[in-house]
């Protein structure tokens, strides 16, 4: 049995879709025309992912506005002036801010999953946003008649429903995107915010059975947007021991872009739960150079010196376009990197006698 390999999530959107989104916003095309463009982008993305040999596919997040904000679609109790995420190159992204309760999702990820399943011949995984990220929507000054604890209770209910709906709809696995984990240590080096994030995520994960949690994973990375990251300078040694306290069955850890991957592998080996699978990043979405399959193979074999091969898999470091308007990476580069990951993982499997 070969080592498993999976995509993380997003693929850059085709130009036809990006143009169509702008035309829809300006009123030149209607909802039905835009829906057709979304469907075609999902179909093409899955077709190319399967052609690259990927044994697990995603919809490439073609119709998500971003990996973090899809649940907010259609909600009116928000203002645009929420938490700001600074990136290393100086650009920022800003989350909305909740202005009134109750907190409810406008869109659940299962809708993206069902759209992908129409075109896929391979199992489909589904990425969802971690509740810890959405906890940042609540303003520091509070909301009249809607205390933070009531918001967190609503948030946990909605997050559970999001994960459960994807599992029930047949997702091969559900991946919680937790990019804010590493960022939290940049904003609060004491680790207090990180501890709160992990506690909140565990309160949701504890609502699932042991068998269900084996299909739920946690993805961590230092962010990826416009060829920049937000927290690559934060030491993984401060994050990973706490990350592995989350009660999930699998972990997806960015590694290809780390300056000292073997040091990180030693940390993982020391703290990985005995019943969890570990997927290591072997391709870097920010680097425009496409990895060779030999480079990927060698990265996997290096990881196998530290981690048990029967619980080891590979992934991309991050999505290739987590925010819908990010065109810093081409679709061609993304699919070439996916092919290298698949072929390099197969070569490593053969070298390990699997």
C-alpha atoms as a PDB file:
ATOM      1  CA  UNK A   1       0.000   0.000   0.000  1.00  0.00           C
ATOM      2  CA  UNK A   2       1.486   3.350  -1.075  1.00  0.00           C
ATOM      3  CA  UNK A   3       1.818   6.325   1.236  1.00  0.00           C
ATOM      4  CA  UNK A   4      -1.337   8.462   1.069  1.00  0.00           C
ATOM      5  CA  UNK A   5      -1.110  11.886  -0.565  1.00  0.00           C
ATOM      6  CA  UNK A   6      -3.710  14.650  -0.526  1.00  0.00           C
ATOM      7  CA  UNK A   7      -4.191  18.235  -1.702  1.00  0.00           C
ATOM      8  CA  UNK A   8      -4.776  20.878   0.934  1.00  0.00           C
ATOM      9  CA  UNK A   9      -7.449  22.875  -0.825  1.00  0.00           C
ATOM     10  CA  UNK A  10      -7.476  25.828  -3.167  1.00  0.00           C
ATOM     11  CA  UNK A  11      -6.396  26.025  -6.808  1.00  0.00           C
ATOM     12  CA  UNK A  12      -6.086  29.390  -8.619  1.00  0.00           C
ATOM     13  CA  UNK A  13      -9.344  30.263 -10.361  1.00  0.00           C
ATOM     14  CA  UNK A  14      -9.405  30.324 -14.191  1.00  0.00           C
ATOM     15  CA  UNK A  15      -9.518  33.732 -15.860  1.00  0.00           C
ATOM     16  CA  UNK A  16     -13.005  33.049 -17.242  1.00  0.00           C
ATOM     17  CA  UNK A  17     -14.321  32.663 -13.702  1.00  0.00           C
ATOM     18  CA  UNK A  18     -12.502  35.695 -12.313  1.00  0.00           C
ATOM     19  CA  UNK A  19     -13.830  37.811 -15.178  1.00  0.00           C
ATOM     20  CA  UNK A  20     -17.318  36.384 -14.638  1.00  0.00           C
ATOM     21  CA  UNK A  21     -17.258  37.286 -10.936  1.00  0.00           C
ATOM     22  CA  UNK A  22     -16.453  40.895 -11.847  1.00  0.00           C
ATOM     23  CA  UNK A  23     -19.182  40.944 -14.487  1.00  0.00           C
ATOM     24  CA  UNK A  24     -21.678  39.578 -11.960  1.00  0.00           C
ATOM     25  CA  UNK A  25     -20.712  42.220  -9.419  1.00  0.00           C
ATOM     26  CA  UNK A  26     -21.294  44.933 -12.021  1.00  0.00           C
ATOM     27  CA  UNK A  27     -24.621  43.436 -13.098  1.00  0.00           C
ATOM     28  CA  UNK A  28     -23.569  42.349 -16.581  1.00  0.00           C
ATOM     29  CA  UNK A  29     -24.342  38.654 -15.984  1.00  0.00           C
ATOM     30  CA  UNK A  30     -27.027  37.060 -13.807  1.00  0.00           C
ATOM     31  CA  UNK A  31     -26.835  34.498 -10.989  1.00  0.00           C
ATOM     32  CA  UNK A  32     -27.464  31.558 -13.313  1.00  0.00           C
ATOM     33  CA  UNK A  33     -24.604  32.536 -15.614  1.00  0.00           C
ATOM     34  CA  UNK A  34     -22.228  32.867 -12.667  1.00  0.00           C
ATOM     35  CA  UNK A  35     -23.339  29.487 -11.295  1.00  0.00           C
ATOM     36  CA  UNK A  36     -22.522  27.960 -14.670  1.00  0.00           C
ATOM     37  CA  UNK A  37     -19.014  29.429 -14.542  1.00  0.00           C
ATOM     38  CA  UNK A  38     -18.515  28.040 -11.041  1.00  0.00           C
ATOM     39  CA  UNK A  39     -19.644  24.571 -12.158  1.00  0.00           C
ATOM     40  CA  UNK A  40     -17.314  24.614 -15.149  1.00  0.00           C
ATOM     41  CA  UNK A  41     -14.364  25.718 -13.002  1.00  0.00           C
ATOM     42  CA  UNK A  42     -15.036  22.912 -10.498  1.00  0.00           C
ATOM     43  CA  UNK A  43     -15.368  20.340 -13.299  1.00  0.00           C
ATOM     44  CA  UNK A  44     -12.134  21.459 -14.973  1.00  0.00           C
ATOM     45  CA  UNK A  45     -10.250  21.592 -11.673  1.00  0.00           C
ATOM     46  CA  UNK A  46     -11.236  18.067 -10.676  1.00  0.00           C
ATOM     47  CA  UNK A  47     -10.511  16.732 -14.172  1.00  0.00           C
ATOM     48  CA  UNK A  48      -6.991  18.183 -14.084  1.00  0.00           C
ATOM     49  CA  UNK A  49      -6.381  17.035 -10.524  1.00  0.00           C
ATOM     50  CA  UNK A  50      -7.363  13.486 -11.442  1.00  0.00           C
ATOM     51  CA  UNK A  51      -5.226  13.680 -14.608  1.00  0.00           C
ATOM     52  CA  UNK A  52      -2.271  14.573 -12.371  1.00  0.00           C
ATOM     53  CA  UNK A  53      -2.833  11.265 -10.592  1.00  0.00           C
ATOM     54  CA  UNK A  54      -4.252  12.614  -7.354  1.00  0.00           C
ATOM     55  CA  UNK A  55      -5.961   9.745  -5.476  1.00  0.00           C
ATOM     56  CA  UNK A  56      -7.945  12.276  -3.414  1.00  0.00           C
ATOM     57  CA  UNK A  57      -9.400  15.428  -4.934  1.00  0.00           C
ATOM     58  CA  UNK A  58     -11.023  18.687  -3.888  1.00  0.00           C
ATOM     59  CA  UNK A  59     -13.100  21.280  -5.697  1.00  0.00           C
ATOM     60  CA  UNK A  60     -10.124  23.655  -5.516  1.00  0.00           C
ATOM     61  CA  UNK A  61     -12.340  26.093  -3.583  1.00  0.00           C
ATOM     62  CA  UNK A  62     -13.401  27.535  -6.935  1.00  0.00           C
ATOM     63  CA  UNK A  63     -16.615  29.056  -5.602  1.00  0.00           C
ATOM     64  CA  UNK A  64     -15.397  30.049  -2.126  1.00  0.00           C
ATOM     65  CA  UNK A  65     -14.706  33.767  -1.680  1.00  0.00           C
ATOM     66  CA  UNK A  66     -11.903  32.666   0.646  1.00  0.00           C
ATOM     67  CA  UNK A  67     -11.042  29.657   2.785  1.00  0.00           C
ATOM     68  CA  UNK A  68     -11.993  31.646   5.909  1.00  0.00           C
ATOM     69  CA  UNK A  69     -15.096  33.622   5.011  1.00  0.00           C
ATOM     70  CA  UNK A  70     -17.334  31.210   3.073  1.00  0.00           C
ATOM     71  CA  UNK A  71     -19.702  30.708   6.078  1.00  0.00           C
ATOM     72  CA  UNK A  72     -20.478  34.435   6.057  1.00  0.00           C
ATOM     73  CA  UNK A  73     -22.032  34.469   2.593  1.00  0.00           C
ATOM     74  CA  UNK A  74     -25.373  36.258   2.704  1.00  0.00           C
ATOM     75  CA  UNK A  75     -25.091  37.381   6.336  1.00  0.00           C
ATOM     76  CA  UNK A  76     -26.106  40.968   7.038  1.00  0.00           C
ATOM     77  CA  UNK A  77     -24.970  41.332  10.676  1.00  0.00           C
ATOM     78  CA  UNK A  78     -21.360  42.112   9.743  1.00  0.00           C
ATOM     79  CA  UNK A  79     -19.229  45.190   9.153  1.00  0.00           C
ATOM     80  CA  UNK A  80     -15.979  45.190   7.120  1.00  0.00           C
ATOM     81  CA  UNK A  81     -13.688  46.550   9.860  1.00  0.00           C
ATOM     82  CA  UNK A  82     -12.649  43.375  11.677  1.00  0.00           C
ATOM     83  CA  UNK A  83      -9.306  41.818  12.575  1.00  0.00           C
ATOM     84  CA  UNK A  84      -6.407  42.632  10.231  1.00  0.00           C
ATOM     85  CA  UNK A  85      -3.962  39.912   9.109  1.00  0.00           C
ATOM     86  CA  UNK A  86      -0.566  41.381   8.132  1.00  0.00           C
ATOM     87  CA  UNK A  87       1.645  39.516   5.646  1.00  0.00           C
ATOM     88  CA  UNK A  88       5.427  39.623   5.407  1.00  0.00           C
ATOM     89  CA  UNK A  89       5.457  41.603   2.147  1.00  0.00           C
ATOM     90  CA  UNK A  90       3.392  44.395   3.719  1.00  0.00           C
ATOM     91  CA  UNK A  91      -0.060  43.619   2.325  1.00  0.00           C
ATOM     92  CA  UNK A  92      -2.963  42.771   4.630  1.00  0.00           C
ATOM     93  CA  UNK A  93      -6.233  40.897   4.664  1.00  0.00           C
ATOM     94  CA  UNK A  94      -9.106  41.997   6.882  1.00  0.00           C
ATOM     95  CA  UNK A  95     -11.851  39.891   8.375  1.00  0.00           C
ATOM     96  CA  UNK A  96     -15.357  41.263   8.880  1.00  0.00           C
ATOM     97  CA  UNK A  97     -16.681  42.043  12.353  1.00  0.00           C
ATOM     98  CA  UNK A  98     -19.885  40.717  13.864  1.00  0.00           C
ATOM     99  CA  UNK A  99     -22.294  43.545  14.724  1.00  0.00           C
ATOM    100  CA  UNK A 100     -25.244  41.657  16.202  1.00  0.00           C
ATOM    101  CA  UNK A 101     -26.320  38.188  17.229  1.00  0.00           C
ATOM    102  CA  UNK A 102     -27.138  35.482  16.731  1.00  0.00           C
ATOM    103  CA  UNK A 103     -24.208  34.051  14.801  1.00  0.00           C
ATOM    104  CA  UNK A 104     -25.281  31.707  12.005  1.00  0.00           C
ATOM    105  CA  UNK A 105     -23.543  30.289   8.951  1.00  0.00           C
ATOM    106  CA  UNK A 106     -24.891  31.502   5.629  1.00  0.00           C
ATOM    107  CA  UNK A 107     -23.208  28.657   3.715  1.00  0.00           C
ATOM    108  CA  UNK A 108     -22.089  25.203   4.843  1.00  0.00           C
ATOM    109  CA  UNK A 109     -19.137  23.461   3.217  1.00  0.00           C
ATOM    110  CA  UNK A 110     -21.228  20.424   2.278  1.00  0.00           C
ATOM    111  CA  UNK A 111     -22.675  22.488  -0.570  1.00  0.00           C
ATOM    112  CA  UNK A 112     -19.194  22.707  -2.126  1.00  0.00           C
ATOM    113  CA  UNK A 113     -18.665  19.001  -1.529  1.00  0.00           C
ATOM    114  CA  UNK A 114     -21.861  18.001  -3.296  1.00  0.00           C
ATOM    115  CA  UNK A 115     -20.957  20.212  -6.267  1.00  0.00           C
ATOM    116  CA  UNK A 116     -17.562  18.479  -6.514  1.00  0.00           C
ATOM    117  CA  UNK A 117     -19.008  14.981  -6.212  1.00  0.00           C
ATOM    118  CA  UNK A 118     -20.969  15.522  -9.436  1.00  0.00           C
ATOM    119  CA  UNK A 119     -17.686  15.510 -11.383  1.00  0.00           C
ATOM    120  CA  UNK A 120     -15.259  13.426  -9.304  1.00  0.00           C
ATOM    121  CA  UNK A 121     -14.366   9.790  -9.925  1.00  0.00           C
ATOM    122  CA  UNK A 122     -12.012   9.798  -6.919  1.00  0.00           C
ATOM    123  CA  UNK A 123     -12.823  10.347  -3.226  1.00  0.00           C
ATOM    124  CA  UNK A 124     -13.351  14.015  -2.316  1.00  0.00           C
ATOM    125  CA  UNK A 125     -12.041  15.680   0.831  1.00  0.00           C
ATOM    126  CA  UNK A 126     -13.556  18.867   2.187  1.00  0.00           C
ATOM    127  CA  UNK A 127     -11.802  21.776   3.858  1.00  0.00           C
ATOM    128  CA  UNK A 128     -13.684  23.811   6.469  1.00  0.00           C
ATOM    129  CA  UNK A 129     -12.624  26.795   8.519  1.00  0.00           C
ATOM    130  CA  UNK A 130     -11.734  26.076  12.146  1.00  0.00           C
ATOM    131  CA  UNK A 131     -14.027  27.639  14.758  1.00  0.00           C
ATOM    132  CA  UNK A 132     -11.005  29.342  16.288  1.00  0.00           C
ATOM    133  CA  UNK A 133     -10.599  31.491  13.164  1.00  0.00           C
ATOM    134  CA  UNK A 134     -14.241  32.549  13.210  1.00  0.00           C
ATOM    135  CA  UNK A 135     -13.971  33.447  16.892  1.00  0.00           C
ATOM    136  CA  UNK A 136     -12.006  36.493  15.681  1.00  0.00           C
ATOM    137  CA  UNK A 137     -15.254  37.930  14.273  1.00  0.00           C
ATOM    138  CA  UNK A 138     -16.463  38.895  17.743  1.00  0.00           C
ATOM    139  CA  UNK A 139     -15.414  42.472  18.546  1.00  0.00           C
ATOM    140  CA  UNK A 140     -13.218  43.190  21.596  1.00  0.00           C
ATOM    141  CA  UNK A 141     -15.732  45.787  22.792  1.00  0.00           C
ATOM    142  CA  UNK A 142     -18.519  43.207  22.866  1.00  0.00           C
ATOM    143  CA  UNK A 143     -22.063  43.322  21.478  1.00  0.00           C
ATOM    144  CA  UNK A 144     -25.100  44.567  23.397  1.00  0.00           C
ATOM    145  CA  UNK A 145     -27.447  41.715  24.369  1.00  0.00           C
ATOM    146  CA  UNK A 146     -25.119  39.148  22.817  1.00  0.00           C
ATOM    147  CA  UNK A 147     -22.286  38.241  25.216  1.00  0.00           C
ATOM    148  CA  UNK A 148     -19.174  36.468  23.990  1.00  0.00           C
ATOM    149  CA  UNK A 149     -20.058  33.173  25.692  1.00  0.00           C
ATOM    150  CA  UNK A 150     -23.375  33.024  23.840  1.00  0.00           C
ATOM    151  CA  UNK A 151     -21.530  33.786  20.596  1.00  0.00           C
ATOM    152  CA  UNK A 152     -19.041  30.976  21.262  1.00  0.00           C
ATOM    153  CA  UNK A 153     -21.885  28.563  21.993  1.00  0.00           C
ATOM    154  CA  UNK A 154     -23.537  29.463  18.680  1.00  0.00           C
ATOM    155  CA  UNK A 155     -20.182  29.240  16.897  1.00  0.00           C
ATOM    156  CA  UNK A 156     -19.515  25.737  18.225  1.00  0.00           C
ATOM    157  CA  UNK A 157     -22.978  24.579  17.167  1.00  0.00           C
ATOM    158  CA  UNK A 158     -22.490  25.981  13.665  1.00  0.00           C
ATOM    159  CA  UNK A 159     -18.970  24.573  13.312  1.00  0.00           C
ATOM    160  CA  UNK A 160     -20.126  21.140  14.417  1.00  0.00           C
ATOM    161  CA  UNK A 161     -22.953  21.300  11.876  1.00  0.00           C
ATOM    162  CA  UNK A 162     -20.487  22.311   9.153  1.00  0.00           C
ATOM    163  CA  UNK A 163     -18.167  19.370   9.845  1.00  0.00           C
ATOM    164  CA  UNK A 164     -20.948  16.868  10.391  1.00  0.00           C
ATOM    165  CA  UNK A 165     -22.781  17.805   7.196  1.00  0.00           C
ATOM    166  CA  UNK A 166     -19.597  17.222   5.180  1.00  0.00           C
ATOM    167  CA  UNK A 167     -18.986  13.852   6.834  1.00  0.00           C
ATOM    168  CA  UNK A 168     -22.619  12.832   6.291  1.00  0.00           C
ATOM    169  CA  UNK A 169     -22.439  13.909   2.640  1.00  0.00           C
ATOM    170  CA  UNK A 170     -19.618  11.431   2.039  1.00  0.00           C
ATOM    171  CA  UNK A 171     -16.414  13.445   2.401  1.00  0.00           C
ATOM    172  CA  UNK A 172     -13.402  11.154   2.486  1.00  0.00           C
ATOM    173  CA  UNK A 173     -12.102  13.428   5.229  1.00  0.00           C
ATOM    174  CA  UNK A 174     -12.764  16.896   6.621  1.00  0.00           C
ATOM    175  CA  UNK A 175      -9.826  19.241   7.090  1.00  0.00           C
ATOM    176  CA  UNK A 176     -10.009  22.102   9.584  1.00  0.00           C
ATOM    177  CA  UNK A 177      -7.899  25.019   8.342  1.00  0.00           C
ATOM    178  CA  UNK A 178      -5.995  26.368  11.355  1.00  0.00           C
ATOM    179  CA  UNK A 179      -3.592  28.893   9.836  1.00  0.00           C
ATOM    180  CA  UNK A 180      -4.390  31.277  12.703  1.00  0.00           C
ATOM    181  CA  UNK A 181      -2.599  28.918  15.111  1.00  0.00           C
ATOM    182  CA  UNK A 182       0.900  29.981  14.145  1.00  0.00           C
ATOM    183  CA  UNK A 183      -0.201  33.578  13.622  1.00  0.00           C
ATOM    184  CA  UNK A 184      -1.566  33.718  17.172  1.00  0.00           C
ATOM    185  CA  UNK A 185       1.951  33.298  18.551  1.00  0.00           C
ATOM    186  CA  UNK A 186       3.088  36.321  16.582  1.00  0.00           C
ATOM    187  CA  UNK A 187       0.247  38.387  18.011  1.00  0.00           C
ATOM    188  CA  UNK A 188       0.539  36.920  21.519  1.00  0.00           C
ATOM    189  CA  UNK A 189       3.962  35.309  22.209  1.00  0.00           C
ATOM    190  CA  UNK A 190       2.763  34.185  25.656  1.00  0.00           C
ATOM    191  CA  UNK A 191       0.662  31.488  23.964  1.00  0.00           C
ATOM    192  CA  UNK A 192      -2.526  32.464  25.759  1.00  0.00           C
ATOM    193  CA  UNK A 193      -4.500  33.079  22.564  1.00  0.00           C
ATOM    194  CA  UNK A 194      -3.220  29.801  21.097  1.00  0.00           C
ATOM    195  CA  UNK A 195      -4.390  27.955  24.202  1.00  0.00           C
ATOM    196  CA  UNK A 196      -7.847  29.516  23.810  1.00  0.00           C
ATOM    197  CA  UNK A 197      -7.955  28.522  20.145  1.00  0.00           C
ATOM    198  CA  UNK A 198      -7.040  24.910  20.905  1.00  0.00           C
ATOM    199  CA  UNK A 199      -9.558  24.672  23.737  1.00  0.00           C
ATOM    200  CA  UNK A 200     -12.331  25.997  21.480  1.00  0.00           C
ATOM    201  CA  UNK A 201     -11.458  23.599  18.658  1.00  0.00           C
ATOM    202  CA  UNK A 202     -11.326  20.657  21.069  1.00  0.00           C
ATOM    203  CA  UNK A 203     -14.757  21.543  22.438  1.00  0.00           C
ATOM    204  CA  UNK A 204     -16.074  21.062  18.909  1.00  0.00           C
ATOM    205  CA  UNK A 205     -13.990  17.955  18.156  1.00  0.00           C
ATOM    206  CA  UNK A 206     -15.218  16.320  21.370  1.00  0.00           C
ATOM    207  CA  UNK A 207     -18.727  16.277  19.895  1.00  0.00           C
ATOM    208  CA  UNK A 208     -17.602  13.593  17.442  1.00  0.00           C
ATOM    209  CA  UNK A 209     -16.952   9.908  18.032  1.00  0.00           C
ATOM    210  CA  UNK A 210     -13.467   8.413  17.925  1.00  0.00           C
ATOM    211  CA  UNK A 211     -14.246   6.885  14.536  1.00  0.00           C
ATOM    212  CA  UNK A 212     -15.485  10.219  13.184  1.00  0.00           C
ATOM    213  CA  UNK A 213     -12.392  12.042  14.449  1.00  0.00           C
ATOM    214  CA  UNK A 214     -10.201   9.663  12.435  1.00  0.00           C
ATOM    215  CA  UNK A 215     -11.713  11.352   9.361  1.00  0.00           C
ATOM    216  CA  UNK A 216     -11.123  14.865  10.727  1.00  0.00           C
ATOM    217  CA  UNK A 217      -7.758  16.561  10.280  1.00  0.00           C
ATOM    218  CA  UNK A 218      -6.045  19.812  11.284  1.00  0.00           C
ATOM    219  CA  UNK A 219      -4.040  21.835   8.766  1.00  0.00           C
ATOM    220  CA  UNK A 220      -1.377  24.258   9.947  1.00  0.00           C
ATOM    221  CA  UNK A 221       0.782  26.623   7.901  1.00  0.00           C
ATOM    222  CA  UNK A 222       2.191  30.171   8.108  1.00  0.00           C
ATOM    223  CA  UNK A 223      -0.335  31.482   5.615  1.00  0.00           C
ATOM    224  CA  UNK A 224      -0.156  31.752   1.835  1.00  0.00           C
ATOM    225  CA  UNK A 225      -1.374  34.765  -0.104  1.00  0.00           C
ATOM    226  CA  UNK A 226       0.126  36.695  -3.007  1.00  0.00           C
ATOM    227  CA  UNK A 227       3.386  34.773  -2.653  1.00  0.00           C
ATOM    228  CA  UNK A 228       3.766  35.821   0.974  1.00  0.00           C
ATOM    229  CA  UNK A 229       3.151  34.349   4.437  1.00  0.00           C
ATOM    230  CA  UNK A 230       2.070  35.881   7.734  1.00  0.00           C
ATOM    231  CA  UNK A 231       3.967  33.856  10.325  1.00  0.00           C
ATOM    232  CA  UNK A 232       6.853  31.863   8.812  1.00  0.00           C
ATOM    233  CA  UNK A 233       9.149  33.659  11.277  1.00  0.00           C
ATOM    234  CA  UNK A 234       7.309  32.096  14.253  1.00  0.00           C
ATOM    235  CA  UNK A 235       9.186  29.101  15.663  1.00  0.00           C
ATOM    236  CA  UNK A 236       7.322  25.844  15.059  1.00  0.00           C
ATOM    237  CA  UNK A 237       8.677  24.618  18.390  1.00  0.00           C
ATOM    238  CA  UNK A 238       6.231  27.009  20.083  1.00  0.00           C
ATOM    239  CA  UNK A 239       3.244  25.733  18.094  1.00  0.00           C
ATOM    240  CA  UNK A 240       3.542  22.019  17.364  1.00  0.00           C
ATOM    241  CA  UNK A 241       3.562  20.558  20.908  1.00  0.00           C
ATOM    242  CA  UNK A 242       0.275  22.360  21.581  1.00  0.00           C
ATOM    243  CA  UNK A 243      -1.134  21.687  18.106  1.00  0.00           C
ATOM    244  CA  UNK A 244      -0.914  17.942  18.687  1.00  0.00           C
ATOM    245  CA  UNK A 245      -3.140  18.290  21.750  1.00  0.00           C
ATOM    246  CA  UNK A 246      -6.066  18.775  19.418  1.00  0.00           C
ATOM    247  CA  UNK A 247      -8.138  15.632  19.371  1.00  0.00           C
ATOM    248  CA  UNK A 248      -8.108  14.957  15.631  1.00  0.00           C
ATOM    249  CA  UNK A 249      -7.175  11.821  13.727  1.00  0.00           C
ATOM    250  CA  UNK A 250      -4.792  13.424  11.261  1.00  0.00           C
ATOM    251  CA  UNK A 251      -2.578  16.476  10.932  1.00  0.00           C
ATOM    252  CA  UNK A 252      -1.426  18.303   7.794  1.00  0.00           C
ATOM    253  CA  UNK A 253       1.791  20.196   8.534  1.00  0.00           C
ATOM    254  CA  UNK A 254       3.512  22.680   6.207  1.00  0.00           C
ATOM    255  CA  UNK A 255       7.154  21.632   5.882  1.00  0.00           C
ATOM    256  CA  UNK A 256       8.559  22.217   2.371  1.00  0.00           C
ATOM    257  CA  UNK A 257       9.032  25.951   2.998  1.00  0.00           C
ATOM    258  CA  UNK A 258      10.639  25.491   6.429  1.00  0.00           C
ATOM    259  CA  UNK A 259      14.304  26.588   6.642  1.00  0.00           C
ATOM    260  CA  UNK A 260      15.206  23.576   8.837  1.00  0.00           C
ATOM    261  CA  UNK A 261      12.752  20.750   8.076  1.00  0.00           C
ATOM    262  CA  UNK A 262      14.694  18.072   9.958  1.00  0.00           C
ATOM    263  CA  UNK A 263      14.420  20.087  13.175  1.00  0.00           C
ATOM    264  CA  UNK A 264      10.666  20.273  12.645  1.00  0.00           C
ATOM    265  CA  UNK A 265      10.509  16.523  11.969  1.00  0.00           C
ATOM    266  CA  UNK A 266      12.200  15.873  15.311  1.00  0.00           C
ATOM    267  CA  UNK A 267       9.595  18.024  17.063  1.00  0.00           C
ATOM    268  CA  UNK A 268       6.785  16.163  15.302  1.00  0.00           C
ATOM    269  CA  UNK A 269       8.298  12.802  16.246  1.00  0.00           C
ATOM    270  CA  UNK A 270       8.442  13.843  19.897  1.00  0.00           C
ATOM    271  CA  UNK A 271       4.838  15.045  20.115  1.00  0.00           C
ATOM    272  CA  UNK A 272       2.683  13.298  17.493  1.00  0.00           C
ATOM    273  CA  UNK A 273      -0.163  11.373  19.183  1.00  0.00           C
ATOM    274  CA  UNK A 274       0.217   7.611  18.845  1.00  0.00           C
ATOM    275  CA  UNK A 275      -3.142   7.221  17.084  1.00  0.00           C
ATOM    276  CA  UNK A 276      -2.820  10.088  14.572  1.00  0.00           C
ATOM    277  CA  UNK A 277      -1.679  10.173  10.953  1.00  0.00           C
ATOM    278  CA  UNK A 278       0.740  12.887   9.856  1.00  0.00           C
ATOM    279  CA  UNK A 279       0.790  14.445   6.381  1.00  0.00           C
ATOM    280  CA  UNK A 280       3.891  16.532   5.672  1.00  0.00           C
ATOM    281  CA  UNK A 281       4.044  19.322   3.114  1.00  0.00           C
ATOM    282  CA  UNK A 282       6.368  18.430   0.242  1.00  0.00           C
ATOM    283  CA  UNK A 283       5.506  21.215  -2.233  1.00  0.00           C
ATOM    284  CA  UNK A 284       5.652  24.958  -1.569  1.00  0.00           C
ATOM    285  CA  UNK A 285       2.791  26.930  -3.210  1.00  0.00           C
ATOM    286  CA  UNK A 286       4.640  30.226  -2.712  1.00  0.00           C
ATOM    287  CA  UNK A 287       7.798  29.104  -4.560  1.00  0.00           C
ATOM    288  CA  UNK A 288       7.258  29.525  -8.336  1.00  0.00           C
ATOM    289  CA  UNK A 289       9.772  26.760  -9.067  1.00  0.00           C
ATOM    290  CA  UNK A 290       8.045  23.422  -9.570  1.00  0.00           C
ATOM    291  CA  UNK A 291       9.539  20.693  -7.418  1.00  0.00           C
ATOM    292  CA  UNK A 292      10.801  17.583  -9.201  1.00  0.00           C
ATOM    293  CA  UNK A 293       9.455  14.183  -8.246  1.00  0.00           C
ATOM    294  CA  UNK A 294      12.959  13.304  -7.045  1.00  0.00           C
ATOM    295  CA  UNK A 295      12.958  16.276  -4.661  1.00  0.00           C
ATOM    296  CA  UNK A 296       9.596  15.192  -3.299  1.00  0.00           C
ATOM    297  CA  UNK A 297      10.804  11.592  -2.931  1.00  0.00           C
ATOM    298  CA  UNK A 298      13.839  12.726  -0.964  1.00  0.00           C
ATOM    299  CA  UNK A 299      11.710  14.899   1.334  1.00  0.00           C
ATOM    300  CA  UNK A 300       9.450  11.946   2.075  1.00  0.00           C
ATOM    301  CA  UNK A 301      12.378   9.613   2.749  1.00  0.00           C
ATOM    302  CA  UNK A 302      13.866  12.203   5.115  1.00  0.00           C
ATOM    303  CA  UNK A 303      10.567  12.322   6.994  1.00  0.00           C
ATOM    304  CA  UNK A 304      10.434   8.516   7.159  1.00  0.00           C
ATOM    305  CA  UNK A 305      13.668   8.550   9.153  1.00  0.00           C
ATOM    306  CA  UNK A 306      11.778  10.270  11.974  1.00  0.00           C
ATOM    307  CA  UNK A 307       8.124   9.293  11.558  1.00  0.00           C
ATOM    308  CA  UNK A 308       6.420   5.877  11.297  1.00  0.00           C
ATOM    309  CA  UNK A 309       5.787   5.089   7.637  1.00  0.00           C
ATOM    310  CA  UNK A 310       2.464   3.423   8.408  1.00  0.00           C
ATOM    311  CA  UNK A 311       1.106   6.774   9.660  1.00  0.00           C
ATOM    312  CA  UNK A 312       2.914   9.036   7.164  1.00  0.00           C
ATOM    313  CA  UNK A 313       1.412  10.841   4.180  1.00  0.00           C
ATOM    314  CA  UNK A 314       2.153  13.870   2.031  1.00  0.00           C
ATOM    315  CA  UNK A 315       0.357  17.078   1.082  1.00  0.00           C
ATOM    316  CA  UNK A 316       1.027  20.542  -0.282  1.00  0.00           C
ATOM    317  CA  UNK A 317       2.182  23.084   2.280  1.00  0.00           C
ATOM    318  CA  UNK A 318      -0.978  25.137   1.812  1.00  0.00           C
ATOM    319  CA  UNK A 319      -3.657  25.903  -0.719  1.00  0.00           C
ATOM    320  CA  UNK A 320      -2.450  27.592  -3.899  1.00  0.00           C
ATOM    321  CA  UNK A 321      -4.998  30.413  -3.737  1.00  0.00           C
ATOM    322  CA  UNK A 322      -6.768  30.518  -0.348  1.00  0.00           C
ATOM    323  CA  UNK A 323      -8.230  33.933  -1.180  1.00  0.00           C
ATOM    324  CA  UNK A 324     -10.314  33.935  -4.335  1.00  0.00           C
ATOM    325  CA  UNK A 325      -8.644  36.952  -5.935  1.00  0.00           C
ATOM    326  CA  UNK A 326      -5.059  35.710  -5.490  1.00  0.00           C
ATOM    327  CA  UNK A 327      -3.556  35.167  -8.959  1.00  0.00           C
ATOM    328  CA  UNK A 328       0.108  35.088  -7.902  1.00  0.00           C
ATOM    329  CA  UNK A 329       0.351  31.393  -8.858  1.00  0.00           C
ATOM    330  CA  UNK A 330      -0.852  30.005 -12.175  1.00  0.00           C
ATOM    331  CA  UNK A 331      -3.149  27.015 -12.502  1.00  0.00           C
ATOM    332  CA  UNK A 332      -0.471  25.322 -14.604  1.00  0.00           C
ATOM    333  CA  UNK A 333       2.094  25.665 -11.812  1.00  0.00           C
ATOM    334  CA  UNK A 334      -0.354  24.359  -9.216  1.00  0.00           C
ATOM    335  CA  UNK A 335      -1.182  21.216 -11.204  1.00  0.00           C
ATOM    336  CA  UNK A 336       2.503  20.629 -12.028  1.00  0.00           C
ATOM    337  CA  UNK A 337       3.318  20.746  -8.320  1.00  0.00           C
ATOM    338  CA  UNK A 338       0.470  18.337  -7.572  1.00  0.00           C
ATOM    339  CA  UNK A 339       1.785  15.901 -10.180  1.00  0.00           C
ATOM    340  CA  UNK A 340       5.283  16.123  -8.674  1.00  0.00           C
ATOM    341  CA  UNK A 341       3.828  15.438  -5.215  1.00  0.00           C
ATOM    342  CA  UNK A 342       1.922  12.392  -6.425  1.00  0.00           C
ATOM    343  CA  UNK A 343       4.826  10.939  -8.418  1.00  0.00           C
ATOM    344  CA  UNK A 344       7.419  11.707  -5.738  1.00  0.00           C
ATOM    345  CA  UNK A 345       5.273  10.125  -3.029  1.00  0.00           C
ATOM    346  CA  UNK A 346       4.867   6.985  -5.157  1.00  0.00           C
ATOM    347  CA  UNK A 347       8.639   6.828  -5.676  1.00  0.00           C
ATOM    348  CA  UNK A 348       9.220   7.158  -1.931  1.00  0.00           C
ATOM    349  CA  UNK A 349       6.662   4.428  -1.281  1.00  0.00           C
ATOM    350  CA  UNK A 350       8.550   2.109  -3.619  1.00  0.00           C
ATOM    351  CA  UNK A 351      11.883   2.951  -1.944  1.00  0.00           C
ATOM    352  CA  UNK A 352      10.314   2.124   1.439  1.00  0.00           C
ATOM    353  CA  UNK A 353       8.992  -1.181   0.106  1.00  0.00           C
ATOM    354  CA  UNK A 354       5.357  -0.181   0.450  1.00  0.00           C
END
